[in-house]
Every structure is written in C-alpha cells, then in structure tokens.
Amino acid sequence: MKAAKGTVFKYGDNVDTDVIIPARYLNTTDHAELAKHCMEDIDKDFTSKVKAGDIIVADKNFGCGSSREHAPIAIKASGVSCVIAKSFARIFYRNSINIGLPIIECEEAAENIKAGDVVSIDFDTGLITDETSGKTFTGQAFPPFMQKIIDSEGLINYINSKE
C-alpha cells in the first residue's frame, strides 16, 4: 500500500448505508452494478462525476445503519481510493478493511478539507495533504497487518495468499 490522490466529495454527519447504496439495489452482488448507484440518494451527481482515485471526506459516524457489505463495495467499485471521516460506524469500518477499501479517521482533515479539493494520502504514515490549501493533517496510519489486507484487495484474498 502506498498512496492515494484524488478530488474530494464531501458529506456531513451520519451518512448511513441506506444512502451509500439504497436497499432497492441489494438484490445484486455485481460490483459494477452497485457502483452505478453509489451515493445516489444523497448526491445524484456522484456517479457521473467520480473518477478513479477520488476521495470521500465526511464528518462523524460515516457508514452507520445496517451492516451491509454492499456499502463499502459500492464505494470502492465506483473508483474511490479512500474515505476520510471524523469517525466511522464500527461495522462499516470492519467491512471496509475486509473488502480492501482504505479508510482513515482524522477529525482535523474532515473539518478543513472542502469539496473539490485535491487531496493526497500516504497510507504508510497517515499523512493527508490538501494540495489545494497546502494544509497537512495526520491521520491514523494502518498497522502493517491491515496494510497487507488492503494491498491484497481484502481479507479473503489476503488469507488465500497465505496458503
């Protein structure tokens, strides 16, 4: 795992899994199909604007609600390289790591980074740089074992690579 760089999509508190991927699309496990509907109930333009490498920044309790793994899958499949938030719902955090979606908690970054800013992240150190404003923030770096899971594109791939 190295780094990410992209344009920011900004959201507030309590973005729940029902708006990340609405329940009406849970009848599929196709990642590309889930990506087509990612964030549509909170940001109808998200799927038409998101590009590979882009970053979501949110406030508190991102990913609250149901424990559906579809939510981080939809985010990752849409091309998002990382989610930065003040805090994450516990199950969303675990599901994100399990499917290989990097997420970083950093209250200061979430408060200061604006929609449309270009941000880069060094996953090894947790350093977040808002290239638009020139400000830097220190997020929580991933422990080595979590970096290996994310580098492997998820827990199942990581376990299978150990055999």
N, C-alpha and C. Protein backbone atom coordinates (compact mmCIF):
# COMPACT_ATOMS: atom_id res chain seq x y z
N MET A 1 0.85 -1.17 0.00
CA MET A 1 0.00 0.00 0.00
C MET A 1 0.89 1.23 0.00
N LYS A 2 0.55 2.17 -0.80
CA LYS A 2 1.42 3.32 -0.93
C LYS A 2 0.67 4.62 -0.66
N ALA A 3 -0.07 5.07 -1.63
CA ALA A 3 -0.69 6.39 -1.51
C ALA A 3 -1.93 6.48 -2.39
N ALA A 4 -2.66 7.55 -2.18
CA ALA A 4 -3.84 7.85 -2.99
C ALA A 4 -3.85 9.34 -3.26
N LYS A 5 -4.46 9.72 -4.37
CA LYS A 5 -4.61 11.14 -4.69
C LYS A 5 -5.87 11.29 -5.52
N GLY A 6 -6.71 12.26 -5.13
CA GLY A 6 -7.92 12.48 -5.90
C GLY A 6 -8.69 13.70 -5.44
N THR A 7 -9.77 13.95 -6.15
CA THR A 7 -10.65 15.07 -5.85
C THR A 7 -11.66 14.63 -4.79
N VAL A 8 -11.99 15.57 -3.90
CA VAL A 8 -12.83 15.26 -2.75
C VAL A 8 -14.33 15.46 -3.02
N PHE A 9 -15.10 14.48 -2.57
CA PHE A 9 -16.55 14.57 -2.43
C PHE A 9 -16.80 14.68 -0.94
N LYS A 10 -17.51 15.70 -0.50
CA LYS A 10 -17.66 15.99 0.93
C LYS A 10 -19.09 15.76 1.39
N TYR A 11 -19.21 15.09 2.54
CA TYR A 11 -20.51 14.79 3.14
C TYR A 11 -20.46 15.09 4.63
N GLY A 12 -21.62 15.14 5.25
CA GLY A 12 -21.73 15.52 6.66
C GLY A 12 -21.74 14.34 7.61
N ASP A 13 -22.46 14.52 8.72
CA ASP A 13 -22.58 13.50 9.75
C ASP A 13 -23.58 12.42 9.34
N ASN A 14 -23.37 11.24 9.93
CA ASN A 14 -24.35 10.14 9.87
C ASN A 14 -24.77 9.73 8.46
N VAL A 15 -23.81 9.64 7.55
CA VAL A 15 -24.10 9.12 6.20
C VAL A 15 -24.28 7.62 6.36
N ASP A 16 -25.52 7.17 6.23
CA ASP A 16 -25.78 5.76 6.51
C ASP A 16 -25.71 4.89 5.26
N THR A 17 -25.66 3.59 5.51
CA THR A 17 -25.51 2.64 4.40
C THR A 17 -26.69 2.67 3.44
N ASP A 18 -27.85 3.15 3.91
CA ASP A 18 -29.02 3.25 3.03
C ASP A 18 -28.85 4.33 1.96
N VAL A 19 -28.07 5.36 2.23
CA VAL A 19 -27.81 6.36 1.18
C VAL A 19 -26.53 6.05 0.42
N ILE A 20 -25.62 5.29 1.03
CA ILE A 20 -24.42 4.88 0.29
C ILE A 20 -24.83 3.93 -0.83
N ILE A 21 -25.65 2.94 -0.50
CA ILE A 21 -26.23 2.07 -1.53
C ILE A 21 -27.65 1.73 -1.07
N PRO A 22 -28.65 2.34 -1.72
CA PRO A 22 -30.04 2.15 -1.33
C PRO A 22 -30.47 0.67 -1.37
N ALA A 23 -31.35 0.32 -0.45
CA ALA A 23 -31.80 -1.07 -0.30
C ALA A 23 -32.38 -1.64 -1.59
N ARG A 24 -32.95 -0.80 -2.44
CA ARG A 24 -33.56 -1.31 -3.68
C ARG A 24 -32.53 -1.94 -4.63
N TYR A 25 -31.24 -1.74 -4.36
CA TYR A 25 -30.20 -2.32 -5.22
C TYR A 25 -29.47 -3.49 -4.55
N LEU A 26 -29.96 -3.95 -3.43
CA LEU A 26 -29.28 -5.03 -2.71
C LEU A 26 -29.56 -6.41 -3.29
N ASN A 27 -30.32 -6.47 -4.37
CA ASN A 27 -30.60 -7.75 -5.00
C ASN A 27 -29.49 -8.19 -5.94
N THR A 28 -28.38 -7.43 -5.98
CA THR A 28 -27.24 -7.81 -6.81
C THR A 28 -25.97 -7.80 -5.98
N THR A 29 -25.04 -8.63 -6.38
CA THR A 29 -23.71 -8.60 -5.77
C THR A 29 -22.67 -8.14 -6.80
N ASP A 30 -23.15 -7.76 -7.99
CA ASP A 30 -22.26 -7.29 -9.05
C ASP A 30 -21.68 -5.93 -8.66
N HIS A 31 -20.39 -5.87 -8.49
CA HIS A 31 -19.73 -4.65 -8.03
C HIS A 31 -19.96 -3.46 -8.96
N ALA A 32 -19.89 -3.70 -10.26
CA ALA A 32 -20.09 -2.60 -11.22
C ALA A 32 -21.51 -2.06 -11.15
N GLU A 33 -22.48 -2.94 -10.95
CA GLU A 33 -23.87 -2.51 -10.83
C GLU A 33 -24.08 -1.71 -9.55
N LEU A 34 -23.48 -2.14 -8.45
CA LEU A 34 -23.57 -1.40 -7.19
C LEU A 34 -22.94 -0.01 -7.35
N ALA A 35 -21.81 0.06 -8.04
CA ALA A 35 -21.13 1.34 -8.25
C ALA A 35 -22.02 2.34 -8.98
N LYS A 36 -22.84 1.86 -9.90
CA LYS A 36 -23.72 2.75 -10.67
C LYS A 36 -24.73 3.50 -9.80
N HIS A 37 -24.97 2.98 -8.60
CA HIS A 37 -25.99 3.56 -7.72
C HIS A 37 -25.41 4.10 -6.41
N CYS A 38 -24.10 4.11 -6.32
CA CYS A 38 -23.43 4.58 -5.11
C CYS A 38 -23.76 6.05 -4.83
N MET A 39 -24.19 6.35 -3.63
CA MET A 39 -24.47 7.69 -3.13
C MET A 39 -25.64 8.39 -3.81
N GLU A 40 -26.39 7.70 -4.66
CA GLU A 40 -27.40 8.39 -5.46
C GLU A 40 -28.51 9.04 -4.63
N ASP A 41 -28.80 8.53 -3.43
CA ASP A 41 -29.86 9.14 -2.63
C ASP A 41 -29.38 10.34 -1.81
N ILE A 42 -28.08 10.58 -1.78
CA ILE A 42 -27.56 11.75 -1.07
C ILE A 42 -26.88 12.73 -2.05
N ASP A 43 -26.45 12.21 -3.21
CA ASP A 43 -25.72 13.01 -4.19
C ASP A 43 -25.96 12.41 -5.58
N LYS A 44 -27.01 12.90 -6.23
CA LYS A 44 -27.42 12.30 -7.52
C LYS A 44 -26.35 12.43 -8.60
N ASP A 45 -25.41 13.37 -8.45
CA ASP A 45 -24.36 13.56 -9.45
C ASP A 45 -23.09 12.76 -9.17
N PHE A 46 -23.04 12.07 -8.04
CA PHE A 46 -21.81 11.37 -7.64
C PHE A 46 -21.30 10.43 -8.73
N THR A 47 -22.15 9.54 -9.21
CA THR A 47 -21.67 8.52 -10.15
C THR A 47 -21.26 9.11 -11.50
N SER A 48 -21.81 10.24 -11.86
CA SER A 48 -21.41 10.84 -13.14
C SER A 48 -20.13 11.67 -13.01
N LYS A 49 -19.77 12.03 -11.78
CA LYS A 49 -18.59 12.87 -11.58
C LYS A 49 -17.38 12.15 -11.00
N VAL A 50 -17.61 11.07 -10.24
CA VAL A 50 -16.49 10.39 -9.57
C VAL A 50 -15.54 9.78 -10.60
N LYS A 51 -14.26 9.90 -10.29
CA LYS A 51 -13.20 9.33 -11.15
C LYS A 51 -12.33 8.42 -10.29
N ALA A 52 -11.67 7.49 -10.94
CA ALA A 52 -10.77 6.58 -10.22
C ALA A 52 -9.77 7.39 -9.41
N GLY A 53 -9.65 7.05 -8.14
CA GLY A 53 -8.72 7.72 -7.26
C GLY A 53 -9.35 8.78 -6.38
N ASP A 54 -10.57 9.22 -6.69
CA ASP A 54 -11.21 10.26 -5.90
C ASP A 54 -11.41 9.81 -4.45
N ILE A 55 -11.68 10.79 -3.59
CA ILE A 55 -11.71 10.57 -2.15
C ILE A 55 -13.01 11.12 -1.57
N ILE A 56 -13.59 10.38 -0.64
CA ILE A 56 -14.74 10.86 0.10
C ILE A 56 -14.24 11.36 1.45
N VAL A 57 -14.72 12.54 1.84
CA VAL A 57 -14.44 13.09 3.17
C VAL A 57 -15.79 13.36 3.83
N ALA A 58 -15.91 12.91 5.08
CA ALA A 58 -17.19 13.07 5.79
C ALA A 58 -16.94 13.41 7.25
N ASP A 59 -18.01 13.75 7.92
CA ASP A 59 -17.91 14.10 9.33
C ASP A 59 -18.05 12.84 10.20
N LYS A 60 -18.88 12.89 11.22
CA LYS A 60 -18.98 11.80 12.19
C LYS A 60 -19.88 10.66 11.73
N ASN A 61 -19.51 9.45 12.17
CA ASN A 61 -20.37 8.27 12.07
C ASN A 61 -20.66 7.85 10.64
N PHE A 62 -19.67 7.95 9.76
CA PHE A 62 -19.86 7.54 8.36
C PHE A 62 -20.10 6.03 8.31
N GLY A 63 -21.11 5.64 7.55
CA GLY A 63 -21.41 4.22 7.36
C GLY A 63 -22.30 3.62 8.42
N CYS A 64 -23.01 4.47 9.16
CA CYS A 64 -23.92 3.95 10.18
C CYS A 64 -25.10 3.25 9.49
N GLY A 65 -25.93 2.60 10.27
CA GLY A 65 -27.08 1.92 9.72
C GLY A 65 -26.85 0.43 9.65
N SER A 66 -27.35 -0.19 8.61
CA SER A 66 -27.26 -1.65 8.51
C SER A 66 -25.82 -2.10 8.27
N SER A 67 -25.61 -3.37 8.46
CA SER A 67 -24.25 -3.92 8.36
C SER A 67 -23.90 -4.39 6.96
N ARG A 68 -24.64 -3.92 5.97
CA ARG A 68 -24.44 -4.43 4.61
C ARG A 68 -23.03 -4.16 4.08
N GLU A 69 -22.41 -5.20 3.61
CA GLU A 69 -21.09 -5.10 2.99
C GLU A 69 -21.18 -4.41 1.63
N HIS A 70 -22.38 -4.35 1.07
CA HIS A 70 -22.59 -3.70 -0.21
C HIS A 70 -22.12 -2.24 -0.21
N ALA A 71 -22.21 -1.56 0.95
CA ALA A 71 -21.88 -0.13 1.01
C ALA A 71 -20.40 0.13 0.70
N PRO A 72 -19.45 -0.47 1.41
CA PRO A 72 -18.06 -0.22 1.04
C PRO A 72 -17.70 -0.79 -0.34
N ILE A 73 -18.37 -1.87 -0.73
CA ILE A 73 -18.12 -2.42 -2.08
C ILE A 73 -18.52 -1.39 -3.13
N ALA A 74 -19.69 -0.76 -2.97
CA ALA A 74 -20.16 0.23 -3.94
C ALA A 74 -19.19 1.41 -4.01
N ILE A 75 -18.70 1.86 -2.86
CA ILE A 75 -17.76 2.98 -2.83
C ILE A 75 -16.47 2.60 -3.55
N LYS A 76 -15.92 1.46 -3.21
CA LYS A 76 -14.66 1.02 -3.83
C LYS A 76 -14.84 0.80 -5.34
N ALA A 77 -15.93 0.15 -5.72
CA ALA A 77 -16.17 -0.14 -7.14
C ALA A 77 -16.42 1.13 -7.95
N SER A 78 -16.85 2.21 -7.30
CA SER A 78 -17.06 3.47 -8.01
C SER A 78 -15.74 4.17 -8.33
N GLY A 79 -14.64 3.68 -7.75
CA GLY A 79 -13.33 4.25 -8.03
C GLY A 79 -12.72 5.02 -6.87
N VAL A 80 -13.47 5.19 -5.80
CA VAL A 80 -12.96 5.93 -4.63
C VAL A 80 -11.76 5.19 -4.05
N SER A 81 -10.67 5.94 -3.81
CA SER A 81 -9.44 5.33 -3.31
C SER A 81 -9.33 5.34 -1.80
N CYS A 82 -10.13 6.19 -1.12
CA CYS A 82 -10.07 6.28 0.33
C CYS A 82 -11.26 7.08 0.84
N VAL A 83 -11.68 6.77 2.05
CA VAL A 83 -12.68 7.58 2.75
C VAL A 83 -12.01 8.11 4.01
N ILE A 84 -12.10 9.42 4.20
CA ILE A 84 -11.59 10.08 5.40
C ILE A 84 -12.81 10.59 6.15
N ALA A 85 -12.88 10.35 7.45
CA ALA A 85 -14.00 10.85 8.25
C ALA A 85 -13.56 11.13 9.67
N LYS A 86 -14.37 11.92 10.37
CA LYS A 86 -14.11 12.14 11.80
C LYS A 86 -14.22 10.82 12.54
N SER A 87 -15.22 10.02 12.18
CA SER A 87 -15.39 8.69 12.77
C SER A 87 -16.24 7.83 11.84
N PHE A 88 -16.11 6.52 12.02
CA PHE A 88 -16.84 5.55 11.21
C PHE A 88 -17.68 4.67 12.12
N ALA A 89 -18.80 4.22 11.59
CA ALA A 89 -19.56 3.19 12.30
C ALA A 89 -18.69 1.94 12.35
N ARG A 90 -18.74 1.24 13.46
CA ARG A 90 -17.85 0.11 13.71
C ARG A 90 -17.93 -0.97 12.64
N ILE A 91 -19.15 -1.38 12.27
CA ILE A 91 -19.29 -2.46 11.28
C ILE A 91 -18.84 -1.99 9.90
N PHE A 92 -19.13 -0.75 9.54
CA PHE A 92 -18.67 -0.22 8.25
C PHE A 92 -17.14 -0.23 8.20
N TYR A 93 -16.51 0.18 9.30
CA TYR A 93 -15.04 0.19 9.36
C TYR A 93 -14.49 -1.21 9.08
N ARG A 94 -15.03 -2.20 9.76
CA ARG A 94 -14.56 -3.58 9.60
C ARG A 94 -14.84 -4.08 8.18
N ASN A 95 -16.05 -3.83 7.67
CA ASN A 95 -16.38 -4.26 6.31
C ASN A 95 -15.46 -3.61 5.28
N SER A 96 -15.10 -2.36 5.49
CA SER A 96 -14.22 -1.66 4.55
C SER A 96 -12.85 -2.34 4.49
N ILE A 97 -12.28 -2.62 5.63
CA ILE A 97 -11.00 -3.31 5.67
C ILE A 97 -11.13 -4.69 5.04
N ASN A 98 -12.21 -5.39 5.37
CA ASN A 98 -12.41 -6.74 4.84
C ASN A 98 -12.47 -6.78 3.32
N ILE A 99 -12.95 -5.70 2.68
CA ILE A 99 -13.04 -5.71 1.22
C ILE A 99 -11.90 -4.90 0.57
N GLY A 100 -11.01 -4.35 1.40
CA GLY A 100 -9.84 -3.66 0.87
C GLY A 100 -10.05 -2.20 0.53
N LEU A 101 -11.00 -1.53 1.19
CA LEU A 101 -11.23 -0.10 0.99
C LEU A 101 -10.51 0.67 2.10
N PRO A 102 -9.48 1.46 1.77
CA PRO A 102 -8.80 2.23 2.80
C PRO A 102 -9.69 3.31 3.40
N ILE A 103 -9.71 3.40 4.72
CA ILE A 103 -10.46 4.43 5.43
C ILE A 103 -9.56 4.99 6.53
N ILE A 104 -9.66 6.28 6.74
CA ILE A 104 -8.81 6.94 7.73
C ILE A 104 -9.66 7.87 8.59
N GLU A 105 -9.50 7.75 9.89
CA GLU A 105 -10.14 8.69 10.81
C GLU A 105 -9.20 9.85 11.06
N CYS A 106 -9.71 11.07 10.83
CA CYS A 106 -8.91 12.27 11.09
C CYS A 106 -9.87 13.45 11.20
N GLU A 107 -10.15 13.84 12.43
CA GLU A 107 -11.12 14.90 12.68
C GLU A 107 -10.69 16.21 12.04
N GLU A 108 -9.43 16.56 12.18
CA GLU A 108 -8.94 17.84 11.65
C GLU A 108 -9.05 17.90 10.13
N ALA A 109 -8.71 16.81 9.46
CA ALA A 109 -8.83 16.77 8.00
C ALA A 109 -10.28 16.90 7.58
N ALA A 110 -11.17 16.17 8.26
CA ALA A 110 -12.60 16.21 7.92
C ALA A 110 -13.17 17.61 8.09
N GLU A 111 -12.68 18.34 9.08
CA GLU A 111 -13.18 19.70 9.32
C GLU A 111 -12.66 20.71 8.31
N ASN A 112 -11.46 20.51 7.80
CA ASN A 112 -10.80 21.52 6.97
C ASN A 112 -10.85 21.29 5.47
N ILE A 113 -10.92 20.05 5.05
CA ILE A 113 -10.93 19.74 3.61
C ILE A 113 -12.30 20.05 3.04
N LYS A 114 -12.31 20.68 1.87
CA LYS A 114 -13.56 21.09 1.23
C LYS A 114 -13.84 20.26 -0.03
N ALA A 115 -15.10 20.21 -0.40
CA ALA A 115 -15.50 19.53 -1.63
C ALA A 115 -14.73 20.15 -2.80
N GLY A 116 -14.21 19.31 -3.67
CA GLY A 116 -13.49 19.78 -4.85
C GLY A 116 -11.99 19.93 -4.63
N ASP A 117 -11.54 19.92 -3.36
CA ASP A 117 -10.10 19.99 -3.10
C ASP A 117 -9.42 18.73 -3.64
N VAL A 118 -8.16 18.86 -4.00
CA VAL A 118 -7.36 17.70 -4.38
C VAL A 118 -6.54 17.31 -3.16
N VAL A 119 -6.66 16.05 -2.78
CA VAL A 119 -6.02 15.55 -1.57
C VAL A 119 -5.17 14.34 -1.90
N SER A 120 -4.01 14.26 -1.25
CA SER A 120 -3.17 13.06 -1.36
C SER A 120 -2.98 12.47 0.03
N ILE A 121 -2.83 11.16 0.06
CA ILE A 121 -2.72 10.43 1.33
C ILE A 121 -1.56 9.45 1.21
N ASP A 122 -0.69 9.48 2.22
CA ASP A 122 0.36 8.48 2.35
C ASP A 122 -0.14 7.47 3.38
N PHE A 123 -0.50 6.28 2.92
CA PHE A 123 -1.08 5.29 3.81
C PHE A 123 -0.08 4.75 4.82
N ASP A 124 1.20 4.76 4.48
CA ASP A 124 2.21 4.24 5.41
C ASP A 124 2.38 5.13 6.63
N THR A 125 2.22 6.43 6.46
CA THR A 125 2.43 7.37 7.57
C THR A 125 1.13 7.97 8.10
N GLY A 126 0.05 7.90 7.30
CA GLY A 126 -1.21 8.54 7.68
C GLY A 126 -1.25 10.02 7.34
N LEU A 127 -0.22 10.52 6.64
CA LEU A 127 -0.17 11.94 6.29
C LEU A 127 -1.17 12.24 5.17
N ILE A 128 -2.03 13.21 5.44
CA ILE A 128 -3.05 13.67 4.49
C ILE A 128 -2.67 15.08 4.08
N THR A 129 -2.53 15.32 2.79
CA THR A 129 -2.16 16.64 2.29
C THR A 129 -3.28 17.17 1.41
N ASP A 130 -3.82 18.32 1.81
CA ASP A 130 -4.79 19.02 0.98
C ASP A 130 -3.96 19.87 0.03
N GLU A 131 -3.79 19.39 -1.18
CA GLU A 131 -2.93 20.08 -2.14
C GLU A 131 -3.53 21.40 -2.60
N THR A 132 -4.83 21.55 -2.44
CA THR A 132 -5.49 22.80 -2.81
C THR A 132 -5.17 23.91 -1.81
N SER A 133 -5.24 23.60 -0.53
CA SER A 133 -5.00 24.61 0.50
C SER A 133 -3.56 24.61 1.01
N GLY A 134 -2.83 23.52 0.76
CA GLY A 134 -1.46 23.40 1.26
C GLY A 134 -1.37 22.89 2.69
N LYS A 135 -2.51 22.61 3.32
CA LYS A 135 -2.51 22.13 4.70
C LYS A 135 -2.25 20.63 4.75
N THR A 136 -1.61 20.19 5.85
CA THR A 136 -1.40 18.77 6.07
C THR A 136 -2.03 18.36 7.39
N PHE A 137 -2.41 17.11 7.46
CA PHE A 137 -3.08 16.54 8.63
C PHE A 137 -2.51 15.16 8.88
N THR A 138 -2.51 14.76 10.12
CA THR A 138 -2.01 13.43 10.45
C THR A 138 -3.17 12.54 10.86
N GLY A 139 -3.46 11.60 9.98
CA GLY A 139 -4.49 10.61 10.27
C GLY A 139 -3.85 9.38 10.87
N GLN A 140 -4.67 8.45 11.24
CA GLN A 140 -4.18 7.22 11.83
C GLN A 140 -3.67 6.31 10.72
N ALA A 141 -2.36 6.01 10.75
CA ALA A 141 -1.78 5.09 9.77
C ALA A 141 -2.28 3.68 10.03
N PHE A 142 -2.35 2.88 8.98
CA PHE A 142 -2.77 1.50 9.14
C PHE A 142 -1.64 0.67 9.73
N PRO A 143 -1.95 -0.21 10.68
CA PRO A 143 -0.93 -1.15 11.14
C PRO A 143 -0.52 -2.05 9.97
N PRO A 144 0.67 -2.60 10.02
CA PRO A 144 1.15 -3.42 8.89
C PRO A 144 0.20 -4.54 8.46
N PHE A 145 -0.43 -5.22 9.41
CA PHE A 145 -1.32 -6.33 9.01
C PHE A 145 -2.53 -5.82 8.25
N MET A 146 -3.03 -4.62 8.60
CA MET A 146 -4.17 -4.06 7.86
C MET A 146 -3.72 -3.59 6.48
N GLN A 147 -2.51 -3.06 6.37
CA GLN A 147 -1.98 -2.67 5.07
C GLN A 147 -1.90 -3.88 4.14
N LYS A 148 -1.51 -5.01 4.69
CA LYS A 148 -1.42 -6.24 3.89
C LYS A 148 -2.80 -6.68 3.40
N ILE A 149 -3.81 -6.55 4.26
CA ILE A 149 -5.18 -6.91 3.87
C ILE A 149 -5.65 -5.99 2.74
N ILE A 150 -5.43 -4.70 2.89
CA ILE A 150 -5.87 -3.74 1.86
C ILE A 150 -5.07 -3.94 0.57
N ASP A 151 -3.77 -4.16 0.68
CA ASP A 151 -2.95 -4.41 -0.50
C ASP A 151 -3.41 -5.66 -1.26
N SER A 152 -3.93 -6.62 -0.52
CA SER A 152 -4.42 -7.87 -1.12
C SER A 152 -5.83 -7.73 -1.68
N GLU A 153 -6.40 -6.51 -1.61
CA GLU A 153 -7.76 -6.24 -2.07
C GLU A 153 -8.80 -6.93 -1.19
N GLY A 154 -8.48 -7.15 0.08
CA GLY A 154 -9.46 -7.67 1.02
C GLY A 154 -8.97 -8.87 1.81
N LEU A 155 -9.73 -9.18 2.86
CA LEU A 155 -9.35 -10.23 3.80
C LEU A 155 -9.31 -11.61 3.15
N ILE A 156 -10.29 -11.94 2.33
CA ILE A 156 -10.33 -13.27 1.70
C ILE A 156 -9.10 -13.47 0.82
N ASN A 157 -8.76 -12.47 -0.01
CA ASN A 157 -7.57 -12.59 -0.85
C ASN A 157 -6.30 -12.69 -0.01
N TYR A 158 -6.25 -11.94 1.09
CA TYR A 158 -5.10 -11.99 1.98
C TYR A 158 -4.94 -13.39 2.57
N ILE A 159 -6.04 -13.96 3.06
CA ILE A 159 -5.99 -15.30 3.64
C ILE A 159 -5.59 -16.32 2.58
N ASN A 160 -6.18 -16.21 1.39
CA ASN A 160 -5.85 -17.15 0.32
C ASN A 160 -4.40 -17.04 -0.13
N SER A 161 -3.82 -15.87 -0.02
CA SER A 161 -2.41 -15.70 -0.43
C SER A 161 -1.45 -16.31 0.57
N LYS A 162 -1.92 -16.58 1.77
CA LYS A 162 -1.08 -17.16 2.81
C LYS A 162 -0.97 -18.68 2.68
N GLU A 163 -1.85 -19.29 1.91
CA GLU A 163 -1.86 -20.75 1.79
C GLU A 163 -0.75 -21.26 0.91
